[in-house]
């Protein structure tokens, strides 16, 4: 028994054309504001530079250890993000050694 009003689920052509005659919308791509990212990175580095020992709990250390490089990599590809990561790692090592 064949039901004629059901679309062919395995067919190569769609049963209905594009309703509005427009191309499919492009997916949204989030692009953060580089200035906001820089300000946040600078705030984290300033907190580290002002501290004599590690200022964060274990959970904060895990958080910043993960998000700082991720945030730095959001900056335009000019090497700036790499410089932030180097500064972060240097401060991290200094604070760990002081513990």
PDB file of N, CA and C in Angstrom:
ATOM      1  N   UNK A   1       0.833  -1.165   0.000  1.00  0.00           N
ATOM      2  CA  UNK A   1       0.000   0.000   0.000  1.00  0.00           C
ATOM      3  C   UNK A   1       0.891   1.246   0.000  1.00  0.00           C
ATOM      4  N   UNK A   2       0.696   2.161  -0.908  1.00  0.00           N
ATOM      5  CA  UNK A   2       1.474   3.377  -1.047  1.00  0.00           C
ATOM      6  C   UNK A   2       0.628   4.586  -0.676  1.00  0.00           C
ATOM      7  N   UNK A   3       1.156   5.460   0.173  1.00  0.00           N
ATOM      8  CA  UNK A   3       0.460   6.689   0.537  1.00  0.00           C
ATOM      9  C   UNK A   3       1.063   7.793  -0.319  1.00  0.00           C
ATOM     10  N   UNK A   4       0.258   8.420  -1.129  1.00  0.00           N
ATOM     11  CA  UNK A   4       0.770   9.374  -2.125  1.00  0.00           C
ATOM     12  C   UNK A   4       1.008  10.778  -1.568  1.00  0.00           C
ATOM     13  N   UNK A   5       0.423  11.155  -0.460  1.00  0.00           N
ATOM     14  CA  UNK A   5       0.606  12.515   0.041  1.00  0.00           C
ATOM     15  C   UNK A   5       1.791  12.658   1.001  1.00  0.00           C
ATOM     16  N   UNK A   6       2.556  11.606   1.216  1.00  0.00           N
ATOM     17  CA  UNK A   6       3.747  11.689   2.050  1.00  0.00           C
ATOM     18  C   UNK A   6       4.956  12.005   1.175  1.00  0.00           C
ATOM     19  N   UNK A   7       5.867  12.880   1.650  1.00  0.00           N
ATOM     20  CA  UNK A   7       7.080  13.159   0.875  1.00  0.00           C
ATOM     21  C   UNK A   7       8.005  11.946   0.877  1.00  0.00           C
ATOM     22  N   UNK A   8       8.806  11.868  -0.146  1.00  0.00           N
ATOM     23  CA  UNK A   8       9.789  10.794  -0.256  1.00  0.00           C
ATOM     24  C   UNK A   8      10.953  11.129   0.671  1.00  0.00           C
ATOM     25  N   UNK A   9      11.099  10.390   1.767  1.00  0.00           N
ATOM     26  CA  UNK A   9      12.132  10.691   2.759  1.00  0.00           C
ATOM     27  C   UNK A   9      13.535  10.369   2.267  1.00  0.00           C
ATOM     28  N   UNK A  10      13.661   9.535   1.277  1.00  0.00           N
ATOM     29  CA  UNK A  10      14.979   9.128   0.805  1.00  0.00           C
ATOM     30  C   UNK A  10      15.276   9.644  -0.600  1.00  0.00           C
ATOM     31  N   UNK A  11      14.429  10.493  -1.132  1.00  0.00           N
ATOM     32  CA  UNK A  11      14.607  11.002  -2.483  1.00  0.00           C
ATOM     33  C   UNK A  11      15.729  12.024  -2.555  1.00  0.00           C
ATOM     34  N   UNK A  12      16.272  12.210  -3.732  1.00  0.00           N
ATOM     35  CA  UNK A  12      17.390  13.138  -3.928  1.00  0.00           C
ATOM     36  C   UNK A  12      16.919  14.568  -4.074  1.00  0.00           C
ATOM     37  N   UNK A  13      15.678  14.780  -4.495  1.00  0.00           N
ATOM     38  CA  UNK A  13      15.182  16.141  -4.678  1.00  0.00           C
ATOM     39  C   UNK A  13      14.164  16.457  -3.606  1.00  0.00           C
ATOM     40  N   UNK A  14      14.131  17.685  -3.107  1.00  0.00           N
ATOM     41  CA  UNK A  14      13.164  18.022  -2.073  1.00  0.00           C
ATOM     42  C   UNK A  14      11.749  18.043  -2.652  1.00  0.00           C
ATOM     43  N   UNK A  15      10.782  17.745  -1.801  1.00  0.00           N
ATOM     44  CA  UNK A  15       9.394  17.744  -2.232  1.00  0.00           C
ATOM     45  C   UNK A  15       8.888  19.164  -2.436  1.00  0.00           C
ATOM     46  N   UNK A  16       9.508  20.133  -1.772  1.00  0.00           N
ATOM     47  CA  UNK A  16       9.057  21.512  -1.852  1.00  0.00           C
ATOM     48  C   UNK A  16      10.265  22.407  -2.105  1.00  0.00           C
ATOM     49  N   UNK A  17      10.111  23.384  -2.962  1.00  0.00           N
ATOM     50  CA  UNK A  17      11.193  24.316  -3.251  1.00  0.00           C
ATOM     51  C   UNK A  17      11.363  25.311  -2.122  1.00  0.00           C
ATOM     52  N   UNK A  18      12.303  26.225  -2.305  1.00  0.00           N
ATOM     53  CA  UNK A  18      12.562  27.257  -1.315  1.00  0.00           C
ATOM     54  C   UNK A  18      11.354  28.177  -1.231  1.00  0.00           C
ATOM     55  N   UNK A  19      10.811  28.344  -0.062  1.00  0.00           N
ATOM     56  CA  UNK A  19       9.584  29.087   0.137  1.00  0.00           C
ATOM     57  C   UNK A  19       9.715  30.562  -0.235  1.00  0.00           C
ATOM     58  N   UNK A  20      10.863  31.191   0.073  1.00  0.00           N
ATOM     59  CA  UNK A  20      11.027  32.614  -0.168  1.00  0.00           C
ATOM     60  C   UNK A  20      11.975  32.936  -1.314  1.00  0.00           C
ATOM     61  N   UNK A  21      12.545  31.941  -1.927  1.00  0.00           N
ATOM     62  CA  UNK A  21      13.432  32.177  -3.056  1.00  0.00           C
ATOM     63  C   UNK A  21      14.759  32.791  -2.665  1.00  0.00           C
ATOM     64  N   UNK A  22      15.155  32.651  -1.411  1.00  0.00           N
ATOM     65  CA  UNK A  22      16.411  33.219  -0.929  1.00  0.00           C
ATOM     66  C   UNK A  22      17.386  32.104  -0.560  1.00  0.00           C
ATOM     67  N   UNK A  23      18.659  32.464  -0.561  1.00  0.00           N
ATOM     68  CA  UNK A  23      19.676  31.512  -0.115  1.00  0.00           C
ATOM     69  C   UNK A  23      19.541  31.293   1.384  1.00  0.00           C
ATOM     70  N   UNK A  24      19.986  30.164   1.843  1.00  0.00           N
ATOM     71  CA  UNK A  24      19.947  29.866   3.270  1.00  0.00           C
ATOM     72  C   UNK A  24      20.822  30.865   4.017  1.00  0.00           C
ATOM     73  N   UNK A  25      20.386  31.315   5.187  1.00  0.00           N
ATOM     74  CA  UNK A  25      21.196  32.266   5.955  1.00  0.00           C
ATOM     75  C   UNK A  25      22.504  31.631   6.401  1.00  0.00           C
ATOM     76  N   UNK A  26      23.533  32.453   6.450  1.00  0.00           N
ATOM     77  CA  UNK A  26      24.835  31.996   6.921  1.00  0.00           C
ATOM     78  C   UNK A  26      24.787  31.841   8.431  1.00  0.00           C
ATOM     79  N   UNK A  27      25.473  30.835   8.952  1.00  0.00           N
ATOM     80  CA  UNK A  27      25.473  30.654  10.412  1.00  0.00           C
ATOM     81  C   UNK A  27      26.180  31.828  11.095  1.00  0.00           C
ATOM     82  N   UNK A  28      25.721  32.145  12.289  1.00  0.00           N
ATOM     83  CA  UNK A  28      26.302  33.238  13.066  1.00  0.00           C
ATOM     84  C   UNK A  28      27.676  32.825  13.586  1.00  0.00           C
ATOM     85  N   UNK A  29      28.645  33.697  13.392  1.00  0.00           N
ATOM     86  CA  UNK A  29      29.992  33.457  13.892  1.00  0.00           C
ATOM     87  C   UNK A  29      30.308  34.566  14.884  1.00  0.00           C
ATOM     88  N   UNK A  30      30.584  34.186  16.132  1.00  0.00           N
ATOM     89  CA  UNK A  30      30.895  35.157  17.167  1.00  0.00           C
ATOM     90  C   UNK A  30      32.315  35.680  16.991  1.00  0.00           C
ATOM     91  N   UNK A  31      32.455  36.985  16.962  1.00  0.00           N
ATOM     92  CA  UNK A  31      33.762  37.616  16.891  1.00  0.00           C
ATOM     93  C   UNK A  31      33.846  38.623  18.054  1.00  0.00           C
ATOM     94  N   UNK A  32      34.648  38.294  19.070  1.00  0.00           N
ATOM     95  CA  UNK A  32      34.721  39.180  20.232  1.00  0.00           C
ATOM     96  C   UNK A  32      35.432  40.486  19.886  1.00  0.00           C
ATOM     97  N   UNK A  33      35.132  41.490  20.679  1.00  0.00           N
ATOM     98  CA  UNK A  33      35.778  42.790  20.529  1.00  0.00           C
ATOM     99  C   UNK A  33      37.211  42.673  21.050  1.00  0.00           C
ATOM    100  N   UNK A  34      38.221  42.863  20.190  1.00  0.00           N
ATOM    101  CA  UNK A  34      39.612  42.715  20.636  1.00  0.00           C
ATOM    102  C   UNK A  34      39.971  43.627  21.811  1.00  0.00           C
ATOM    103  N   UNK A  35      39.385  44.809  21.871  1.00  0.00           N
ATOM    104  CA  UNK A  35      39.695  45.725  22.978  1.00  0.00           C
ATOM    105  C   UNK A  35      39.192  45.169  24.310  1.00  0.00           C
ATOM    106  N   UNK A  36      38.029  44.566  24.315  1.00  0.00           N
ATOM    107  CA  UNK A  36      37.504  43.959  25.545  1.00  0.00           C
ATOM    108  C   UNK A  36      38.372  42.776  25.976  1.00  0.00           C
ATOM    109  N   UNK A  37      38.825  42.005  25.008  1.00  0.00           N
ATOM    110  CA  UNK A  37      39.688  40.858  25.315  1.00  0.00           C
ATOM    111  C   UNK A  37      40.997  41.360  25.909  1.00  0.00           C
ATOM    112  N   UNK A  38      41.594  42.386  25.306  1.00  0.00           N
ATOM    113  CA  UNK A  38      42.850  42.948  25.826  1.00  0.00           C
ATOM    114  C   UNK A  38      42.677  43.460  27.247  1.00  0.00           C
ATOM    115  N   UNK A  39      41.580  44.175  27.492  1.00  0.00           N
ATOM    116  CA  UNK A  39      41.345  44.714  28.843  1.00  0.00           C
ATOM    117  C   UNK A  39      41.252  43.589  29.864  1.00  0.00           C
ATOM    118  N   UNK A  40      40.560  42.514  29.518  1.00  0.00           N
ATOM    119  CA  UNK A  40      40.414  41.395  30.447  1.00  0.00           C
ATOM    120  C   UNK A  40      41.758  40.708  30.696  1.00  0.00           C
ATOM    121  N   UNK A  41      42.537  40.514  29.635  1.00  0.00           N
ATOM    122  CA  UNK A  41      43.862  39.913  29.793  1.00  0.00           C
ATOM    123  C   UNK A  41      44.751  40.786  30.667  1.00  0.00           C
ATOM    124  N   UNK A  42      44.690  42.089  30.441  1.00  0.00           N
ATOM    125  CA  UNK A  42      45.499  43.020  31.237  1.00  0.00           C
ATOM    126  C   UNK A  42      45.078  43.008  32.702  1.00  0.00           C
ATOM    127  N   UNK A  43      43.779  42.876  32.970  1.00  0.00           N
ATOM    128  CA  UNK A  43      43.306  42.817  34.363  1.00  0.00           C
ATOM    129  C   UNK A  43      43.846  41.582  35.068  1.00  0.00           C
ATOM    130  N   UNK A  44      43.828  40.452  34.368  1.00  0.00           N
ATOM    131  CA  UNK A  44      44.334  39.218  34.964  1.00  0.00           C
ATOM    132  C   UNK A  44      45.827  39.338  35.230  1.00  0.00           C
ATOM    133  N   UNK A  45      46.576  39.861  34.251  1.00  0.00           N
ATOM    134  CA  UNK A  45      48.022  40.028  34.424  1.00  0.00           C
ATOM    135  C   UNK A  45      48.333  41.011  35.552  1.00  0.00           C
ATOM    136  N   UNK A  46      47.561  42.092  35.663  1.00  0.00           N
ATOM    137  CA  UNK A  46      47.789  43.080  36.723  1.00  0.00           C
ATOM    138  C   UNK A  46      47.581  42.445  38.098  1.00  0.00           C
ATOM    139  N   UNK A  47      46.559  41.602  38.208  1.00  0.00           N
ATOM    140  CA  UNK A  47      46.322  40.915  39.482  1.00  0.00           C
ATOM    141  C   UNK A  47      47.486  39.989  39.820  1.00  0.00           C
ATOM    142  N   UNK A  48      48.005  39.313  38.823  1.00  0.00           N
ATOM    143  CA  UNK A  48      49.137  38.412  39.050  1.00  0.00           C
ATOM    144  C   UNK A  48      50.392  39.196  39.426  1.00  0.00           C
ATOM    145  N   UNK A  49      50.655  40.290  38.742  1.00  0.00           N
ATOM    146  CA  UNK A  49      51.868  41.082  38.995  1.00  0.00           C
ATOM    147  C   UNK A  49      51.852  41.714  40.380  1.00  0.00           C
ATOM    148  N   UNK A  50      50.658  42.054  40.869  1.00  0.00           N
ATOM    149  CA  UNK A  50      50.544  42.691  42.182  1.00  0.00           C
ATOM    150  C   UNK A  50      50.685  41.691  43.327  1.00  0.00           C
ATOM    151  N   UNK A  51      50.554  40.415  43.041  1.00  0.00           N
ATOM    152  CA  UNK A  51      50.573  39.389  44.087  1.00  0.00           C
ATOM    153  C   UNK A  51      51.995  38.899  44.360  1.00  0.00           C
ATOM    154  N   UNK A  52      52.242  38.567  45.624  1.00  0.00           N
ATOM    155  CA  UNK A  52      53.527  37.983  46.003  1.00  0.00           C
ATOM    156  C   UNK A  52      53.483  36.456  45.913  1.00  0.00           C
ATOM    157  N   UNK A  53      52.289  35.899  46.149  1.00  0.00           N
ATOM    158  CA  UNK A  53      52.062  34.454  46.016  1.00  0.00           C
ATOM    159  C   UNK A  53      50.791  34.272  45.184  1.00  0.00           C
ATOM    160  N   UNK A  54      50.520  33.050  44.796  1.00  0.00           N
ATOM    161  CA  UNK A  54      49.368  32.770  43.947  1.00  0.00           C
ATOM    162  C   UNK A  54      48.099  33.303  44.615  1.00  0.00           C
ATOM    163  N   UNK A  55      47.408  34.239  43.971  1.00  0.00           N
ATOM    164  CA  UNK A  55      46.249  34.877  44.596  1.00  0.00           C
ATOM    165  C   UNK A  55      44.941  34.100  44.457  1.00  0.00           C
ATOM    166  N   UNK A  56      44.959  32.972  43.767  1.00  0.00           N
ATOM    167  CA  UNK A  56      43.710  32.281  43.453  1.00  0.00           C
ATOM    168  C   UNK A  56      43.637  30.903  44.084  1.00  0.00           C
ATOM    169  N   UNK A  57      42.411  30.467  44.302  1.00  0.00           N
ATOM    170  CA  UNK A  57      42.158  29.104  44.774  1.00  0.00           C
ATOM    171  C   UNK A  57      42.496  28.119  43.650  1.00  0.00           C
ATOM    172  N   UNK A  58      42.506  26.846  43.983  1.00  0.00           N
ATOM    173  CA  UNK A  58      42.800  25.811  42.978  1.00  0.00           C
ATOM    174  C   UNK A  58      41.832  25.888  41.797  1.00  0.00           C
ATOM    175  N   UNK A  59      40.553  26.102  42.087  1.00  0.00           N
ATOM    176  CA  UNK A  59      39.571  26.152  41.003  1.00  0.00           C
ATOM    177  C   UNK A  59      39.786  27.370  40.107  1.00  0.00           C
ATOM    178  N   UNK A  60      40.151  28.522  40.700  1.00  0.00           N
ATOM    179  CA  UNK A  60      40.443  29.722  39.891  1.00  0.00           C
ATOM    180  C   UNK A  60      41.701  29.509  39.063  1.00  0.00           C
ATOM    181  N   UNK A  61      42.686  28.839  39.631  1.00  0.00           N
ATOM    182  CA  UNK A  61      43.901  28.553  38.882  1.00  0.00           C
ATOM    183  C   UNK A  61      43.586  27.699  37.654  1.00  0.00           C
ATOM    184  N   UNK A  62      42.748  26.688  37.855  1.00  0.00           N
ATOM    185  CA  UNK A  62      42.344  25.833  36.740  1.00  0.00           C
ATOM    186  C   UNK A  62      41.605  26.648  35.695  1.00  0.00           C
ATOM    187  N   UNK A  63      40.701  27.500  36.152  1.00  0.00           N
ATOM    188  CA  UNK A  63      39.931  28.349  35.234  1.00  0.00           C
ATOM    189  C   UNK A  63      40.838  29.266  34.423  1.00  0.00           C
ATOM    190  N   UNK A  64      41.685  30.040  35.105  1.00  0.00           N
ATOM    191  CA  UNK A  64      42.539  30.984  34.393  1.00  0.00           C
ATOM    192  C   UNK A  64      43.598  30.282  33.554  1.00  0.00           C
ATOM    193  N   UNK A  65      44.067  29.132  34.026  1.00  0.00           N
ATOM    194  CA  UNK A  65      45.021  28.368  33.227  1.00  0.00           C
ATOM    195  C   UNK A  65      44.437  27.931  31.898  1.00  0.00           C
ATOM    196  N   UNK A  66      43.125  27.727  31.862  1.00  0.00           N
ATOM    197  CA  UNK A  66      42.442  27.328  30.627  1.00  0.00           C
ATOM    198  C   UNK A  66      42.011  28.524  29.787  1.00  0.00           C
ATOM    199  N   UNK A  67      41.332  29.498  30.416  1.00  0.00           N
ATOM    200  CA  UNK A  67      40.726  30.558  29.601  1.00  0.00           C
ATOM    201  C   UNK A  67      41.711  31.624  29.142  1.00  0.00           C
ATOM    202  N   UNK A  68      42.799  31.846  29.885  1.00  0.00           N
ATOM    203  CA  UNK A  68      43.718  32.909  29.470  1.00  0.00           C
ATOM    204  C   UNK A  68      44.293  32.635  28.084  1.00  0.00           C
ATOM    205  N   UNK A  69      44.861  31.457  27.822  1.00  0.00           N
ATOM    206  CA  UNK A  69      45.365  31.207  26.463  1.00  0.00           C
ATOM    207  C   UNK A  69      44.259  31.230  25.408  1.00  0.00           C
ATOM    208  N   UNK A  70      43.080  30.728  25.780  1.00  0.00           N
ATOM    209  CA  UNK A  70      41.969  30.752  24.828  1.00  0.00           C
ATOM    210  C   UNK A  70      41.589  32.184  24.471  1.00  0.00           C
ATOM    211  N   UNK A  71      41.531  33.043  25.482  1.00  0.00           N
ATOM    212  CA  UNK A  71      41.206  34.447  25.233  1.00  0.00           C
ATOM    213  C   UNK A  71      42.298  35.126  24.400  1.00  0.00           C
ATOM    214  N   UNK A  72      43.552  34.859  24.727  1.00  0.00           N
ATOM    215  CA  UNK A  72      44.660  35.470  23.977  1.00  0.00           C
ATOM    216  C   UNK A  72      44.626  35.053  22.512  1.00  0.00           C
ATOM    217  N   UNK A  73      44.202  33.825  22.256  1.00  0.00           N
ATOM    218  CA  UNK A  73      44.129  33.351  20.874  1.00  0.00           C
ATOM    219  C   UNK A  73      42.964  33.948  20.101  1.00  0.00           C
ATOM    220  N   UNK A  74      42.081  34.674  20.766  1.00  0.00           N
ATOM    221  CA  UNK A  74      40.989  35.364  20.087  1.00  0.00           C
ATOM    222  C   UNK A  74      41.436  36.677  19.465  1.00  0.00           C
ATOM    223  N   UNK A  75      42.607  37.161  19.867  1.00  0.00           N
ATOM    224  CA  UNK A  75      43.116  38.417  19.316  1.00  0.00           C
ATOM    225  C   UNK A  75      43.548  38.211  17.865  1.00  0.00           C
ATOM    226  N   UNK A  76      43.560  39.307  17.090  1.00  0.00           N
ATOM    227  CA  UNK A  76      44.004  39.178  15.694  1.00  0.00           C
ATOM    228  C   UNK A  76      45.378  38.523  15.600  1.00  0.00           C
ATOM    229  N   UNK A  77      45.605  37.797  14.550  1.00  0.00           N
ATOM    230  CA  UNK A  77      46.830  37.006  14.377  1.00  0.00           C
ATOM    231  C   UNK A  77      48.021  37.911  14.034  1.00  0.00           C
ATOM    232  N   UNK A  78      48.486  38.646  15.042  1.00  0.00           N
ATOM    233  CA  UNK A  78      49.643  39.521  14.860  1.00  0.00           C
ATOM    234  C   UNK A  78      50.768  39.146  15.815  1.00  0.00           C
ATOM    235  N   UNK A  79      50.586  38.063  16.536  1.00  0.00           N
ATOM    236  CA  UNK A  79      51.574  37.669  17.529  1.00  0.00           C
ATOM    237  C   UNK A  79      51.298  38.252  18.896  1.00  0.00           C
ATOM    238  N   UNK A  80      50.323  39.139  18.968  1.00  0.00           N
ATOM    239  CA  UNK A  80      49.985  39.792  20.228  1.00  0.00           C
ATOM    240  C   UNK A  80      49.494  38.782  21.263  1.00  0.00           C
ATOM    241  N   UNK A  81      48.661  37.843  20.827  1.00  0.00           N
ATOM    242  CA  UNK A  81      48.154  36.824  21.737  1.00  0.00           C
ATOM    243  C   UNK A  81      49.273  35.982  22.322  1.00  0.00           C
ATOM    244  N   UNK A  82      50.251  35.647  21.499  1.00  0.00           N
ATOM    245  CA  UNK A  82      51.399  34.878  21.965  1.00  0.00           C
ATOM    246  C   UNK A  82      52.196  35.618  23.025  1.00  0.00           C
ATOM    247  N   UNK A  83      52.312  36.932  22.869  1.00  0.00           N
ATOM    248  CA  UNK A  83      53.023  37.735  23.864  1.00  0.00           C
ATOM    249  C   UNK A  83      52.287  37.730  25.203  1.00  0.00           C
ATOM    250  N   UNK A  84      50.963  37.833  25.145  1.00  0.00           N
ATOM    251  CA  UNK A  84      50.181  37.758  26.387  1.00  0.00           C
ATOM    252  C   UNK A  84      50.373  36.404  27.068  1.00  0.00           C
ATOM    253  N   UNK A  85      50.374  35.351  26.282  1.00  0.00           N
ATOM    254  CA  UNK A  85      50.545  34.006  26.851  1.00  0.00           C
ATOM    255  C   UNK A  85      51.913  33.869  27.501  1.00  0.00           C
ATOM    256  N   UNK A  86      52.957  34.391  26.867  1.00  0.00           N
ATOM    257  CA  UNK A  86      54.300  34.343  27.461  1.00  0.00           C
ATOM    258  C   UNK A  86      54.350  35.097  28.783  1.00  0.00           C
ATOM    259  N   UNK A  87      53.725  36.271  28.840  1.00  0.00           N
ATOM    260  CA  UNK A  87      53.694  37.048  30.081  1.00  0.00           C
ATOM    261  C   UNK A  87      52.935  36.299  31.173  1.00  0.00           C
ATOM    262  N   UNK A  88      51.828  35.695  30.793  1.00  0.00           N
ATOM    263  CA  UNK A  88      51.027  34.931  31.746  1.00  0.00           C
ATOM    264  C   UNK A  88      51.828  33.763  32.306  1.00  0.00           C
ATOM    265  N   UNK A  89      52.487  33.031  31.435  1.00  0.00           N
ATOM    266  CA  UNK A  89      53.262  31.870  31.878  1.00  0.00           C
ATOM    267  C   UNK A  89      54.413  32.283  32.786  1.00  0.00           C
ATOM    268  N   UNK A  90      55.063  33.415  32.483  1.00  0.00           N
ATOM    269  CA  UNK A  90      56.153  33.895  33.332  1.00  0.00           C
ATOM    270  C   UNK A  90      55.638  34.254  34.725  1.00  0.00           C
ATOM    271  N   UNK A  91      54.511  34.959  34.787  1.00  0.00           N
ATOM    272  CA  UNK A  91      53.932  35.318  36.088  1.00  0.00           C
ATOM    273  C   UNK A  91      53.457  34.073  36.826  1.00  0.00           C
ATOM    274  N   UNK A  92      52.887  33.140  36.104  1.00  0.00           N
ATOM    275  CA  UNK A  92      52.410  31.889  36.700  1.00  0.00           C
ATOM    276  C   UNK A  92      53.563  31.155  37.380  1.00  0.00           C
ATOM    277  N   UNK A  93      54.668  31.036  36.684  1.00  0.00           N
ATOM    278  CA  UNK A  93      55.848  30.337  37.230  1.00  0.00           C
ATOM    279  C   UNK A  93      56.401  31.082  38.436  1.00  0.00           C
ATOM    280  N   UNK A  94      56.438  32.400  38.376  1.00  0.00           N
ATOM    281  CA  UNK A  94      56.909  33.202  39.500  1.00  0.00           C
ATOM    282  C   UNK A  94      56.045  32.966  40.734  1.00  0.00           C
ATOM    283  N   UNK A  95      54.737  32.981  40.548  1.00  0.00           N
ATOM    284  CA  UNK A  95      53.818  32.806  41.678  1.00  0.00           C
ATOM    285  C   UNK A  95      53.857  31.380  42.227  1.00  0.00           C
ATOM    286  N   UNK A  96      54.001  30.404  41.364  1.00  0.00           N
ATOM    287  CA  UNK A  96      54.098  29.013  41.815  1.00  0.00           C
ATOM    288  C   UNK A  96      55.375  28.799  42.612  1.00  0.00           C
ATOM    289  N   UNK A  97      56.471  29.409  42.177  1.00  0.00           N
ATOM    290  CA  UNK A  97      57.754  29.273  42.873  1.00  0.00           C
ATOM    291  C   UNK A  97      57.725  29.941  44.243  1.00  0.00           C
ATOM    292  N   UNK A  98      56.900  30.990  44.385  1.00  0.00           N
ATOM    293  CA  UNK A  98      56.831  31.723  45.638  1.00  0.00           C
ATOM    294  C   UNK A  98      55.981  30.994  46.691  1.00  0.00           C
ATOM    295  N   UNK A  99      55.259  30.007  46.287  1.00  0.00           N
ATOM    296  CA  UNK A  99      54.364  29.299  47.224  1.00  0.00           C
ATOM    297  C   UNK A  99      55.115  28.458  48.223  1.00  0.00           C
TER     298      UNK A  99
END
